[in-house]
């Protein structure tokens, strides 16, 4: 599932815009 999400993030070119703790 995490790989699916990563693939979608790559397609959408998404970026982390908050602290690692919040995003995690």
PDBML (XML) file of the C-alpha atoms, coordinates in Angstrom:
<?xml version="1.0" encoding="UTF-8" ?>
<PDBx:datablock datablockName="MODEL"
   xmlns:PDBx="http://pdbml.pdb.org/schema/pdbx-v50.xsd"
   xmlns:xsi="http://www.w3.org/2001/XMLSchema-instance"
   xsi:schemaLocation="http://pdbml.pdb.org/schema/pdbx-v50.xsd pdbx-v50.xsd">
   <PDBx:atom_siteCategory>
      <PDBx:atom_site id="1">
         <PDBx:B_iso_or_equiv>0.00</PDBx:B_iso_or_equiv>
         <PDBx:Cartn_x>0.000</PDBx:Cartn_x>
         <PDBx:Cartn_y>0.000</PDBx:Cartn_y>
         <PDBx:Cartn_z>0.000</PDBx:Cartn_z>
         <PDBx:auth_asym_id>A</PDBx:auth_asym_id>
         <PDBx:auth_atom_id>CA</PDBx:auth_atom_id>
         <PDBx:auth_comp_id>UNK</PDBx:auth_comp_id>
         <PDBx:auth_seq_id>1</PDBx:auth_seq_id>
         <PDBx:group_PDB>ATOM</PDBx:group_PDB>
         <PDBx:label_alt_id xsi:nil="true" />
         <PDBx:label_asym_id>A</PDBx:label_asym_id>
         <PDBx:label_atom_id>CA</PDBx:label_atom_id>
         <PDBx:label_comp_id>UNK</PDBx:label_comp_id>
         <PDBx:label_entity_id>1</PDBx:label_entity_id>
         <PDBx:label_seq_id>1</PDBx:label_seq_id>
         <PDBx:occupancy>1.00</PDBx:occupancy>
         <PDBx:pdbx_PDB_model_num>1</PDBx:pdbx_PDB_model_num>
         <PDBx:type_symbol>C</PDBx:type_symbol>
      </PDBx:atom_site>
      <PDBx:atom_site id="2">
         <PDBx:B_iso_or_equiv>0.00</PDBx:B_iso_or_equiv>
         <PDBx:Cartn_x>2.825</PDBx:Cartn_x>
         <PDBx:Cartn_y>2.387</PDBx:Cartn_y>
         <PDBx:Cartn_z>0.880</PDBx:Cartn_z>
         <PDBx:auth_asym_id>A</PDBx:auth_asym_id>
         <PDBx:auth_atom_id>CA</PDBx:auth_atom_id>
         <PDBx:auth_comp_id>UNK</PDBx:auth_comp_id>
         <PDBx:auth_seq_id>2</PDBx:auth_seq_id>
         <PDBx:group_PDB>ATOM</PDBx:group_PDB>
         <PDBx:label_alt_id xsi:nil="true" />
         <PDBx:label_asym_id>A</PDBx:label_asym_id>
         <PDBx:label_atom_id>CA</PDBx:label_atom_id>
         <PDBx:label_comp_id>UNK</PDBx:label_comp_id>
         <PDBx:label_entity_id>1</PDBx:label_entity_id>
         <PDBx:label_seq_id>2</PDBx:label_seq_id>
         <PDBx:occupancy>1.00</PDBx:occupancy>
         <PDBx:pdbx_PDB_model_num>1</PDBx:pdbx_PDB_model_num>
         <PDBx:type_symbol>C</PDBx:type_symbol>
      </PDBx:atom_site>
      <PDBx:atom_site id="3">
         <PDBx:B_iso_or_equiv>0.00</PDBx:B_iso_or_equiv>
         <PDBx:Cartn_x>4.392</PDBx:Cartn_x>
         <PDBx:Cartn_y>1.732</PDBx:Cartn_y>
         <PDBx:Cartn_z>-2.520</PDBx:Cartn_z>
         <PDBx:auth_asym_id>A</PDBx:auth_asym_id>
         <PDBx:auth_atom_id>CA</PDBx:auth_atom_id>
         <PDBx:auth_comp_id>UNK</PDBx:auth_comp_id>
         <PDBx:auth_seq_id>3</PDBx:auth_seq_id>
         <PDBx:group_PDB>ATOM</PDBx:group_PDB>
         <PDBx:label_alt_id xsi:nil="true" />
         <PDBx:label_asym_id>A</PDBx:label_asym_id>
         <PDBx:label_atom_id>CA</PDBx:label_atom_id>
         <PDBx:label_comp_id>UNK</PDBx:label_comp_id>
         <PDBx:label_entity_id>1</PDBx:label_entity_id>
         <PDBx:label_seq_id>3</PDBx:label_seq_id>
         <PDBx:occupancy>1.00</PDBx:occupancy>
         <PDBx:pdbx_PDB_model_num>1</PDBx:pdbx_PDB_model_num>
         <PDBx:type_symbol>C</PDBx:type_symbol>
      </PDBx:atom_site>
      <PDBx:atom_site id="4">
         <PDBx:B_iso_or_equiv>0.00</PDBx:B_iso_or_equiv>
         <PDBx:Cartn_x>1.064</PDBx:Cartn_x>
         <PDBx:Cartn_y>2.579</PDBx:Cartn_y>
         <PDBx:Cartn_z>-4.196</PDBx:Cartn_z>
         <PDBx:auth_asym_id>A</PDBx:auth_asym_id>
         <PDBx:auth_atom_id>CA</PDBx:auth_atom_id>
         <PDBx:auth_comp_id>UNK</PDBx:auth_comp_id>
         <PDBx:auth_seq_id>4</PDBx:auth_seq_id>
         <PDBx:group_PDB>ATOM</PDBx:group_PDB>
         <PDBx:label_alt_id xsi:nil="true" />
         <PDBx:label_asym_id>A</PDBx:label_asym_id>
         <PDBx:label_atom_id>CA</PDBx:label_atom_id>
         <PDBx:label_comp_id>UNK</PDBx:label_comp_id>
         <PDBx:label_entity_id>1</PDBx:label_entity_id>
         <PDBx:label_seq_id>4</PDBx:label_seq_id>
         <PDBx:occupancy>1.00</PDBx:occupancy>
         <PDBx:pdbx_PDB_model_num>1</PDBx:pdbx_PDB_model_num>
         <PDBx:type_symbol>C</PDBx:type_symbol>
      </PDBx:atom_site>
      <PDBx:atom_site id="5">
         <PDBx:B_iso_or_equiv>0.00</PDBx:B_iso_or_equiv>
         <PDBx:Cartn_x>0.950</PDBx:Cartn_x>
         <PDBx:Cartn_y>5.850</PDBx:Cartn_y>
         <PDBx:Cartn_z>-2.290</PDBx:Cartn_z>
         <PDBx:auth_asym_id>A</PDBx:auth_asym_id>
         <PDBx:auth_atom_id>CA</PDBx:auth_atom_id>
         <PDBx:auth_comp_id>UNK</PDBx:auth_comp_id>
         <PDBx:auth_seq_id>5</PDBx:auth_seq_id>
         <PDBx:group_PDB>ATOM</PDBx:group_PDB>
         <PDBx:label_alt_id xsi:nil="true" />
         <PDBx:label_asym_id>A</PDBx:label_asym_id>
         <PDBx:label_atom_id>CA</PDBx:label_atom_id>
         <PDBx:label_comp_id>UNK</PDBx:label_comp_id>
         <PDBx:label_entity_id>1</PDBx:label_entity_id>
         <PDBx:label_seq_id>5</PDBx:label_seq_id>
         <PDBx:occupancy>1.00</PDBx:occupancy>
         <PDBx:pdbx_PDB_model_num>1</PDBx:pdbx_PDB_model_num>
         <PDBx:type_symbol>C</PDBx:type_symbol>
      </PDBx:atom_site>
      <PDBx:atom_site id="6">
         <PDBx:B_iso_or_equiv>0.00</PDBx:B_iso_or_equiv>
         <PDBx:Cartn_x>4.553</PDBx:Cartn_x>
         <PDBx:Cartn_y>6.622</PDBx:Cartn_y>
         <PDBx:Cartn_z>-3.233</PDBx:Cartn_z>
         <PDBx:auth_asym_id>A</PDBx:auth_asym_id>
         <PDBx:auth_atom_id>CA</PDBx:auth_atom_id>
         <PDBx:auth_comp_id>UNK</PDBx:auth_comp_id>
         <PDBx:auth_seq_id>6</PDBx:auth_seq_id>
         <PDBx:group_PDB>ATOM</PDBx:group_PDB>
         <PDBx:label_alt_id xsi:nil="true" />
         <PDBx:label_asym_id>A</PDBx:label_asym_id>
         <PDBx:label_atom_id>CA</PDBx:label_atom_id>
         <PDBx:label_comp_id>UNK</PDBx:label_comp_id>
         <PDBx:label_entity_id>1</PDBx:label_entity_id>
         <PDBx:label_seq_id>6</PDBx:label_seq_id>
         <PDBx:occupancy>1.00</PDBx:occupancy>
         <PDBx:pdbx_PDB_model_num>1</PDBx:pdbx_PDB_model_num>
         <PDBx:type_symbol>C</PDBx:type_symbol>
      </PDBx:atom_site>
      <PDBx:atom_site id="7">
         <PDBx:B_iso_or_equiv>0.00</PDBx:B_iso_or_equiv>
         <PDBx:Cartn_x>3.785</PDBx:Cartn_x>
         <PDBx:Cartn_y>5.963</PDBx:Cartn_y>
         <PDBx:Cartn_z>-6.886</PDBx:Cartn_z>
         <PDBx:auth_asym_id>A</PDBx:auth_asym_id>
         <PDBx:auth_atom_id>CA</PDBx:auth_atom_id>
         <PDBx:auth_comp_id>UNK</PDBx:auth_comp_id>
         <PDBx:auth_seq_id>7</PDBx:auth_seq_id>
         <PDBx:group_PDB>ATOM</PDBx:group_PDB>
         <PDBx:label_alt_id xsi:nil="true" />
         <PDBx:label_asym_id>A</PDBx:label_asym_id>
         <PDBx:label_atom_id>CA</PDBx:label_atom_id>
         <PDBx:label_comp_id>UNK</PDBx:label_comp_id>
         <PDBx:label_entity_id>1</PDBx:label_entity_id>
         <PDBx:label_seq_id>7</PDBx:label_seq_id>
         <PDBx:occupancy>1.00</PDBx:occupancy>
         <PDBx:pdbx_PDB_model_num>1</PDBx:pdbx_PDB_model_num>
         <PDBx:type_symbol>C</PDBx:type_symbol>
      </PDBx:atom_site>
      <PDBx:atom_site id="8">
         <PDBx:B_iso_or_equiv>0.00</PDBx:B_iso_or_equiv>
         <PDBx:Cartn_x>0.838</PDBx:Cartn_x>
         <PDBx:Cartn_y>8.385</PDBx:Cartn_y>
         <PDBx:Cartn_z>-6.764</PDBx:Cartn_z>
         <PDBx:auth_asym_id>A</PDBx:auth_asym_id>
         <PDBx:auth_atom_id>CA</PDBx:auth_atom_id>
         <PDBx:auth_comp_id>UNK</PDBx:auth_comp_id>
         <PDBx:auth_seq_id>8</PDBx:auth_seq_id>
         <PDBx:group_PDB>ATOM</PDBx:group_PDB>
         <PDBx:label_alt_id xsi:nil="true" />
         <PDBx:label_asym_id>A</PDBx:label_asym_id>
         <PDBx:label_atom_id>CA</PDBx:label_atom_id>
         <PDBx:label_comp_id>UNK</PDBx:label_comp_id>
         <PDBx:label_entity_id>1</PDBx:label_entity_id>
         <PDBx:label_seq_id>8</PDBx:label_seq_id>
         <PDBx:occupancy>1.00</PDBx:occupancy>
         <PDBx:pdbx_PDB_model_num>1</PDBx:pdbx_PDB_model_num>
         <PDBx:type_symbol>C</PDBx:type_symbol>
      </PDBx:atom_site>
      <PDBx:atom_site id="9">
         <PDBx:B_iso_or_equiv>0.00</PDBx:B_iso_or_equiv>
         <PDBx:Cartn_x>3.020</PDBx:Cartn_x>
         <PDBx:Cartn_y>10.974</PDBx:Cartn_y>
         <PDBx:Cartn_z>-4.987</PDBx:Cartn_z>
         <PDBx:auth_asym_id>A</PDBx:auth_asym_id>
         <PDBx:auth_atom_id>CA</PDBx:auth_atom_id>
         <PDBx:auth_comp_id>UNK</PDBx:auth_comp_id>
         <PDBx:auth_seq_id>9</PDBx:auth_seq_id>
         <PDBx:group_PDB>ATOM</PDBx:group_PDB>
         <PDBx:label_alt_id xsi:nil="true" />
         <PDBx:label_asym_id>A</PDBx:label_asym_id>
         <PDBx:label_atom_id>CA</PDBx:label_atom_id>
         <PDBx:label_comp_id>UNK</PDBx:label_comp_id>
         <PDBx:label_entity_id>1</PDBx:label_entity_id>
         <PDBx:label_seq_id>9</PDBx:label_seq_id>
         <PDBx:occupancy>1.00</PDBx:occupancy>
         <PDBx:pdbx_PDB_model_num>1</PDBx:pdbx_PDB_model_num>
         <PDBx:type_symbol>C</PDBx:type_symbol>
      </PDBx:atom_site>
      <PDBx:atom_site id="10">
         <PDBx:B_iso_or_equiv>0.00</PDBx:B_iso_or_equiv>
         <PDBx:Cartn_x>5.586</PDBx:Cartn_x>
         <PDBx:Cartn_y>10.649</PDBx:Cartn_y>
         <PDBx:Cartn_z>-7.780</PDBx:Cartn_z>
         <PDBx:auth_asym_id>A</PDBx:auth_asym_id>
         <PDBx:auth_atom_id>CA</PDBx:auth_atom_id>
         <PDBx:auth_comp_id>UNK</PDBx:auth_comp_id>
         <PDBx:auth_seq_id>10</PDBx:auth_seq_id>
         <PDBx:group_PDB>ATOM</PDBx:group_PDB>
         <PDBx:label_alt_id xsi:nil="true" />
         <PDBx:label_asym_id>A</PDBx:label_asym_id>
         <PDBx:label_atom_id>CA</PDBx:label_atom_id>
         <PDBx:label_comp_id>UNK</PDBx:label_comp_id>
         <PDBx:label_entity_id>1</PDBx:label_entity_id>
         <PDBx:label_seq_id>10</PDBx:label_seq_id>
         <PDBx:occupancy>1.00</PDBx:occupancy>
         <PDBx:pdbx_PDB_model_num>1</PDBx:pdbx_PDB_model_num>
         <PDBx:type_symbol>C</PDBx:type_symbol>
      </PDBx:atom_site>
      <PDBx:atom_site id="11">
         <PDBx:B_iso_or_equiv>0.00</PDBx:B_iso_or_equiv>
         <PDBx:Cartn_x>2.930</PDBx:Cartn_x>
         <PDBx:Cartn_y>11.033</PDBx:Cartn_y>
         <PDBx:Cartn_z>-10.480</PDBx:Cartn_z>
         <PDBx:auth_asym_id>A</PDBx:auth_asym_id>
         <PDBx:auth_atom_id>CA</PDBx:auth_atom_id>
         <PDBx:auth_comp_id>UNK</PDBx:auth_comp_id>
         <PDBx:auth_seq_id>11</PDBx:auth_seq_id>
         <PDBx:group_PDB>ATOM</PDBx:group_PDB>
         <PDBx:label_alt_id xsi:nil="true" />
         <PDBx:label_asym_id>A</PDBx:label_asym_id>
         <PDBx:label_atom_id>CA</PDBx:label_atom_id>
         <PDBx:label_comp_id>UNK</PDBx:label_comp_id>
         <PDBx:label_entity_id>1</PDBx:label_entity_id>
         <PDBx:label_seq_id>11</PDBx:label_seq_id>
         <PDBx:occupancy>1.00</PDBx:occupancy>
         <PDBx:pdbx_PDB_model_num>1</PDBx:pdbx_PDB_model_num>
         <PDBx:type_symbol>C</PDBx:type_symbol>
      </PDBx:atom_site>
      <PDBx:atom_site id="12">
         <PDBx:B_iso_or_equiv>0.00</PDBx:B_iso_or_equiv>
         <PDBx:Cartn_x>1.502</PDBx:Cartn_x>
         <PDBx:Cartn_y>14.106</PDBx:Cartn_y>
         <PDBx:Cartn_z>-8.736</PDBx:Cartn_z>
         <PDBx:auth_asym_id>A</PDBx:auth_asym_id>
         <PDBx:auth_atom_id>CA</PDBx:auth_atom_id>
         <PDBx:auth_comp_id>UNK</PDBx:auth_comp_id>
         <PDBx:auth_seq_id>12</PDBx:auth_seq_id>
         <PDBx:group_PDB>ATOM</PDBx:group_PDB>
         <PDBx:label_alt_id xsi:nil="true" />
         <PDBx:label_asym_id>A</PDBx:label_asym_id>
         <PDBx:label_atom_id>CA</PDBx:label_atom_id>
         <PDBx:label_comp_id>UNK</PDBx:label_comp_id>
         <PDBx:label_entity_id>1</PDBx:label_entity_id>
         <PDBx:label_seq_id>12</PDBx:label_seq_id>
         <PDBx:occupancy>1.00</PDBx:occupancy>
         <PDBx:pdbx_PDB_model_num>1</PDBx:pdbx_PDB_model_num>
         <PDBx:type_symbol>C</PDBx:type_symbol>
      </PDBx:atom_site>
      <PDBx:atom_site id="13">
         <PDBx:B_iso_or_equiv>0.00</PDBx:B_iso_or_equiv>
         <PDBx:Cartn_x>5.001</PDBx:Cartn_x>
         <PDBx:Cartn_y>15.443</PDBx:Cartn_y>
         <PDBx:Cartn_z>-7.853</PDBx:Cartn_z>
         <PDBx:auth_asym_id>A</PDBx:auth_asym_id>
         <PDBx:auth_atom_id>CA</PDBx:auth_atom_id>
         <PDBx:auth_comp_id>UNK</PDBx:auth_comp_id>
         <PDBx:auth_seq_id>13</PDBx:auth_seq_id>
         <PDBx:group_PDB>ATOM</PDBx:group_PDB>
         <PDBx:label_alt_id xsi:nil="true" />
         <PDBx:label_asym_id>A</PDBx:label_asym_id>
         <PDBx:label_atom_id>CA</PDBx:label_atom_id>
         <PDBx:label_comp_id>UNK</PDBx:label_comp_id>
         <PDBx:label_entity_id>1</PDBx:label_entity_id>
         <PDBx:label_seq_id>13</PDBx:label_seq_id>
         <PDBx:occupancy>1.00</PDBx:occupancy>
         <PDBx:pdbx_PDB_model_num>1</PDBx:pdbx_PDB_model_num>
         <PDBx:type_symbol>C</PDBx:type_symbol>
      </PDBx:atom_site>
      <PDBx:atom_site id="14">
         <PDBx:B_iso_or_equiv>0.00</PDBx:B_iso_or_equiv>
         <PDBx:Cartn_x>3.948</PDBx:Cartn_x>
         <PDBx:Cartn_y>16.063</PDBx:Cartn_y>
         <PDBx:Cartn_z>-4.251</PDBx:Cartn_z>
         <PDBx:auth_asym_id>A</PDBx:auth_asym_id>
         <PDBx:auth_atom_id>CA</PDBx:auth_atom_id>
         <PDBx:auth_comp_id>UNK</PDBx:auth_comp_id>
         <PDBx:auth_seq_id>14</PDBx:auth_seq_id>
         <PDBx:group_PDB>ATOM</PDBx:group_PDB>
         <PDBx:label_alt_id xsi:nil="true" />
         <PDBx:label_asym_id>A</PDBx:label_asym_id>
         <PDBx:label_atom_id>CA</PDBx:label_atom_id>
         <PDBx:label_comp_id>UNK</PDBx:label_comp_id>
         <PDBx:label_entity_id>1</PDBx:label_entity_id>
         <PDBx:label_seq_id>14</PDBx:label_seq_id>
         <PDBx:occupancy>1.00</PDBx:occupancy>
         <PDBx:pdbx_PDB_model_num>1</PDBx:pdbx_PDB_model_num>
         <PDBx:type_symbol>C</PDBx:type_symbol>
      </PDBx:atom_site>
      <PDBx:atom_site id="15">
         <PDBx:B_iso_or_equiv>0.00</PDBx:B_iso_or_equiv>
         <PDBx:Cartn_x>6.265</PDBx:Cartn_x>
         <PDBx:Cartn_y>17.688</PDBx:Cartn_y>
         <PDBx:Cartn_z>-1.697</PDBx:Cartn_z>
         <PDBx:auth_asym_id>A</PDBx:auth_asym_id>
         <PDBx:auth_atom_id>CA</PDBx:auth_atom_id>
         <PDBx:auth_comp_id>UNK</PDBx:auth_comp_id>
         <PDBx:auth_seq_id>15</PDBx:auth_seq_id>
         <PDBx:group_PDB>ATOM</PDBx:group_PDB>
         <PDBx:label_alt_id xsi:nil="true" />
         <PDBx:label_asym_id>A</PDBx:label_asym_id>
         <PDBx:label_atom_id>CA</PDBx:label_atom_id>
         <PDBx:label_comp_id>UNK</PDBx:label_comp_id>
         <PDBx:label_entity_id>1</PDBx:label_entity_id>
         <PDBx:label_seq_id>15</PDBx:label_seq_id>
         <PDBx:occupancy>1.00</PDBx:occupancy>
         <PDBx:pdbx_PDB_model_num>1</PDBx:pdbx_PDB_model_num>
         <PDBx:type_symbol>C</PDBx:type_symbol>
      </PDBx:atom_site>
      <PDBx:atom_site id="16">
         <PDBx:B_iso_or_equiv>0.00</PDBx:B_iso_or_equiv>
         <PDBx:Cartn_x>6.599</PDBx:Cartn_x>
         <PDBx:Cartn_y>17.665</PDBx:Cartn_y>
         <PDBx:Cartn_z>2.096</PDBx:Cartn_z>
         <PDBx:auth_asym_id>A</PDBx:auth_asym_id>
         <PDBx:auth_atom_id>CA</PDBx:auth_atom_id>
         <PDBx:auth_comp_id>UNK</PDBx:auth_comp_id>
         <PDBx:auth_seq_id>16</PDBx:auth_seq_id>
         <PDBx:group_PDB>ATOM</PDBx:group_PDB>
         <PDBx:label_alt_id xsi:nil="true" />
         <PDBx:label_asym_id>A</PDBx:label_asym_id>
         <PDBx:label_atom_id>CA</PDBx:label_atom_id>
         <PDBx:label_comp_id>UNK</PDBx:label_comp_id>
         <PDBx:label_entity_id>1</PDBx:label_entity_id>
         <PDBx:label_seq_id>16</PDBx:label_seq_id>
         <PDBx:occupancy>1.00</PDBx:occupancy>
         <PDBx:pdbx_PDB_model_num>1</PDBx:pdbx_PDB_model_num>
         <PDBx:type_symbol>C</PDBx:type_symbol>
      </PDBx:atom_site>
      <PDBx:atom_site id="17">
         <PDBx:B_iso_or_equiv>0.00</PDBx:B_iso_or_equiv>
         <PDBx:Cartn_x>5.601</PDBx:Cartn_x>
         <PDBx:Cartn_y>21.098</PDBx:Cartn_y>
         <PDBx:Cartn_z>3.384</PDBx:Cartn_z>
         <PDBx:auth_asym_id>A</PDBx:auth_asym_id>
         <PDBx:auth_atom_id>CA</PDBx:auth_atom_id>
         <PDBx:auth_comp_id>UNK</PDBx:auth_comp_id>
         <PDBx:auth_seq_id>17</PDBx:auth_seq_id>
         <PDBx:group_PDB>ATOM</PDBx:group_PDB>
         <PDBx:label_alt_id xsi:nil="true" />
         <PDBx:label_asym_id>A</PDBx:label_asym_id>
         <PDBx:label_atom_id>CA</PDBx:label_atom_id>
         <PDBx:label_comp_id>UNK</PDBx:label_comp_id>
         <PDBx:label_entity_id>1</PDBx:label_entity_id>
         <PDBx:label_seq_id>17</PDBx:label_seq_id>
         <PDBx:occupancy>1.00</PDBx:occupancy>
         <PDBx:pdbx_PDB_model_num>1</PDBx:pdbx_PDB_model_num>
         <PDBx:type_symbol>C</PDBx:type_symbol>
      </PDBx:atom_site>
      <PDBx:atom_site id="18">
         <PDBx:B_iso_or_equiv>0.00</PDBx:B_iso_or_equiv>
         <PDBx:Cartn_x>5.591</PDBx:Cartn_x>
         <PDBx:Cartn_y>20.475</PDBx:Cartn_y>
         <PDBx:Cartn_z>7.124</PDBx:Cartn_z>
         <PDBx:auth_asym_id>A</PDBx:auth_asym_id>
         <PDBx:auth_atom_id>CA</PDBx:auth_atom_id>
         <PDBx:auth_comp_id>UNK</PDBx:auth_comp_id>
         <PDBx:auth_seq_id>18</PDBx:auth_seq_id>
         <PDBx:group_PDB>ATOM</PDBx:group_PDB>
         <PDBx:label_alt_id xsi:nil="true" />
         <PDBx:label_asym_id>A</PDBx:label_asym_id>
         <PDBx:label_atom_id>CA</PDBx:label_atom_id>
         <PDBx:label_comp_id>UNK</PDBx:label_comp_id>
         <PDBx:label_entity_id>1</PDBx:label_entity_id>
         <PDBx:label_seq_id>18</PDBx:label_seq_id>
         <PDBx:occupancy>1.00</PDBx:occupancy>
         <PDBx:pdbx_PDB_model_num>1</PDBx:pdbx_PDB_model_num>
         <PDBx:type_symbol>C</PDBx:type_symbol>
      </PDBx:atom_site>
      <PDBx:atom_site id="19">
         <PDBx:B_iso_or_equiv>0.00</PDBx:B_iso_or_equiv>
         <PDBx:Cartn_x>7.868</PDBx:Cartn_x>
         <PDBx:Cartn_y>18.922</PDBx:Cartn_y>
         <PDBx:Cartn_z>9.723</PDBx:Cartn_z>
         <PDBx:auth_asym_id>A</PDBx:auth_asym_id>
         <PDBx:auth_atom_id>CA</PDBx:auth_atom_id>
         <PDBx:auth_comp_id>UNK</PDBx:auth_comp_id>
         <PDBx:auth_seq_id>19</PDBx:auth_seq_id>
         <PDBx:group_PDB>ATOM</PDBx:group_PDB>
         <PDBx:label_alt_id xsi:nil="true" />
         <PDBx:label_asym_id>A</PDBx:label_asym_id>
         <PDBx:label_atom_id>CA</PDBx:label_atom_id>
         <PDBx:label_comp_id>UNK</PDBx:label_comp_id>
         <PDBx:label_entity_id>1</PDBx:label_entity_id>
         <PDBx:label_seq_id>19</PDBx:label_seq_id>
         <PDBx:occupancy>1.00</PDBx:occupancy>
         <PDBx:pdbx_PDB_model_num>1</PDBx:pdbx_PDB_model_num>
         <PDBx:type_symbol>C</PDBx:type_symbol>
      </PDBx:atom_site>
      <PDBx:atom_site id="20">
         <PDBx:B_iso_or_equiv>0.00</PDBx:B_iso_or_equiv>
         <PDBx:Cartn_x>8.804</PDBx:Cartn_x>
         <PDBx:Cartn_y>15.263</PDBx:Cartn_y>
         <PDBx:Cartn_z>9.300</PDBx:Cartn_z>
         <PDBx:auth_asym_id>A</PDBx:auth_asym_id>
         <PDBx:auth_atom_id>CA</PDBx:auth_atom_id>
         <PDBx:auth_comp_id>UNK</PDBx:auth_comp_id>
         <PDBx:auth_seq_id>20</PDBx:auth_seq_id>
         <PDBx:group_PDB>ATOM</PDBx:group_PDB>
         <PDBx:label_alt_id xsi:nil="true" />
         <PDBx:label_asym_id>A</PDBx:label_asym_id>
         <PDBx:label_atom_id>CA</PDBx:label_atom_id>
         <PDBx:label_comp_id>UNK</PDBx:label_comp_id>
         <PDBx:label_entity_id>1</PDBx:label_entity_id>
         <PDBx:label_seq_id>20</PDBx:label_seq_id>
         <PDBx:occupancy>1.00</PDBx:occupancy>
         <PDBx:pdbx_PDB_model_num>1</PDBx:pdbx_PDB_model_num>
         <PDBx:type_symbol>C</PDBx:type_symbol>
      </PDBx:atom_site>
      <PDBx:atom_site id="21">
         <PDBx:B_iso_or_equiv>0.00</PDBx:B_iso_or_equiv>
         <PDBx:Cartn_x>7.038</PDBx:Cartn_x>
         <PDBx:Cartn_y>14.454</PDBx:Cartn_y>
         <PDBx:Cartn_z>12.584</PDBx:Cartn_z>
         <PDBx:auth_asym_id>A</PDBx:auth_asym_id>
         <PDBx:auth_atom_id>CA</PDBx:auth_atom_id>
         <PDBx:auth_comp_id>UNK</PDBx:auth_comp_id>
         <PDBx:auth_seq_id>21</PDBx:auth_seq_id>
         <PDBx:group_PDB>ATOM</PDBx:group_PDB>
         <PDBx:label_alt_id xsi:nil="true" />
         <PDBx:label_asym_id>A</PDBx:label_asym_id>
         <PDBx:label_atom_id>CA</PDBx:label_atom_id>
         <PDBx:label_comp_id>UNK</PDBx:label_comp_id>
         <PDBx:label_entity_id>1</PDBx:label_entity_id>
         <PDBx:label_seq_id>21</PDBx:label_seq_id>
         <PDBx:occupancy>1.00</PDBx:occupancy>
         <PDBx:pdbx_PDB_model_num>1</PDBx:pdbx_PDB_model_num>
         <PDBx:type_symbol>C</PDBx:type_symbol>
      </PDBx:atom_site>
      <PDBx:atom_site id="22">
         <PDBx:B_iso_or_equiv>0.00</PDBx:B_iso_or_equiv>
         <PDBx:Cartn_x>3.741</PDBx:Cartn_x>
         <PDBx:Cartn_y>15.950</PDBx:Cartn_y>
         <PDBx:Cartn_z>11.387</PDBx:Cartn_z>
         <PDBx:auth_asym_id>A</PDBx:auth_asym_id>
         <PDBx:auth_atom_id>CA</PDBx:auth_atom_id>
         <PDBx:auth_comp_id>UNK</PDBx:auth_comp_id>
         <PDBx:auth_seq_id>22</PDBx:auth_seq_id>
         <PDBx:group_PDB>ATOM</PDBx:group_PDB>
         <PDBx:label_alt_id xsi:nil="true" />
         <PDBx:label_asym_id>A</PDBx:label_asym_id>
         <PDBx:label_atom_id>CA</PDBx:label_atom_id>
         <PDBx:label_comp_id>UNK</PDBx:label_comp_id>
         <PDBx:label_entity_id>1</PDBx:label_entity_id>
         <PDBx:label_seq_id>22</PDBx:label_seq_id>
         <PDBx:occupancy>1.00</PDBx:occupancy>
         <PDBx:pdbx_PDB_model_num>1</PDBx:pdbx_PDB_model_num>
         <PDBx:type_symbol>C</PDBx:type_symbol>
      </PDBx:atom_site>
      <PDBx:atom_site id="23">
         <PDBx:B_iso_or_equiv>0.00</PDBx:B_iso_or_equiv>
         <PDBx:Cartn_x>3.939</PDBx:Cartn_x>
         <PDBx:Cartn_y>14.315</PDBx:Cartn_y>
         <PDBx:Cartn_z>7.968</PDBx:Cartn_z>
         <PDBx:auth_asym_id>A</PDBx:auth_asym_id>
         <PDBx:auth_atom_id>CA</PDBx:auth_atom_id>
         <PDBx:auth_comp_id>UNK</PDBx:auth_comp_id>
         <PDBx:auth_seq_id>23</PDBx:auth_seq_id>
         <PDBx:group_PDB>ATOM</PDBx:group_PDB>
         <PDBx:label_alt_id xsi:nil="true" />
         <PDBx:label_asym_id>A</PDBx:label_asym_id>
         <PDBx:label_atom_id>CA</PDBx:label_atom_id>
         <PDBx:label_comp_id>UNK</PDBx:label_comp_id>
         <PDBx:label_entity_id>1</PDBx:label_entity_id>
         <PDBx:label_seq_id>23</PDBx:label_seq_id>
         <PDBx:occupancy>1.00</PDBx:occupancy>
         <PDBx:pdbx_PDB_model_num>1</PDBx:pdbx_PDB_model_num>
         <PDBx:type_symbol>C</PDBx:type_symbol>
      </PDBx:atom_site>
      <PDBx:atom_site id="24">
         <PDBx:B_iso_or_equiv>0.00</PDBx:B_iso_or_equiv>
         <PDBx:Cartn_x>4.916</PDBx:Cartn_x>
         <PDBx:Cartn_y>10.982</PDBx:Cartn_y>
         <PDBx:Cartn_z>9.508</PDBx:Cartn_z>
         <PDBx:auth_asym_id>A</PDBx:auth_asym_id>
         <PDBx:auth_atom_id>CA</PDBx:auth_atom_id>
         <PDBx:auth_comp_id>UNK</PDBx:auth_comp_id>
         <PDBx:auth_seq_id>24</PDBx:auth_seq_id>
         <PDBx:group_PDB>ATOM</PDBx:group_PDB>
         <PDBx:label_alt_id xsi:nil="true" />
         <PDBx:label_asym_id>A</PDBx:label_asym_id>
         <PDBx:label_atom_id>CA</PDBx:label_atom_id>
         <PDBx:label_comp_id>UNK</PDBx:label_comp_id>
         <PDBx:label_entity_id>1</PDBx:label_entity_id>
         <PDBx:label_seq_id>24</PDBx:label_seq_id>
         <PDBx:occupancy>1.00</PDBx:occupancy>
         <PDBx:pdbx_PDB_model_num>1</PDBx:pdbx_PDB_model_num>
         <PDBx:type_symbol>C</PDBx:type_symbol>
      </PDBx:atom_site>
   </PDBx:atom_siteCategory>
</PDBx:datablock>
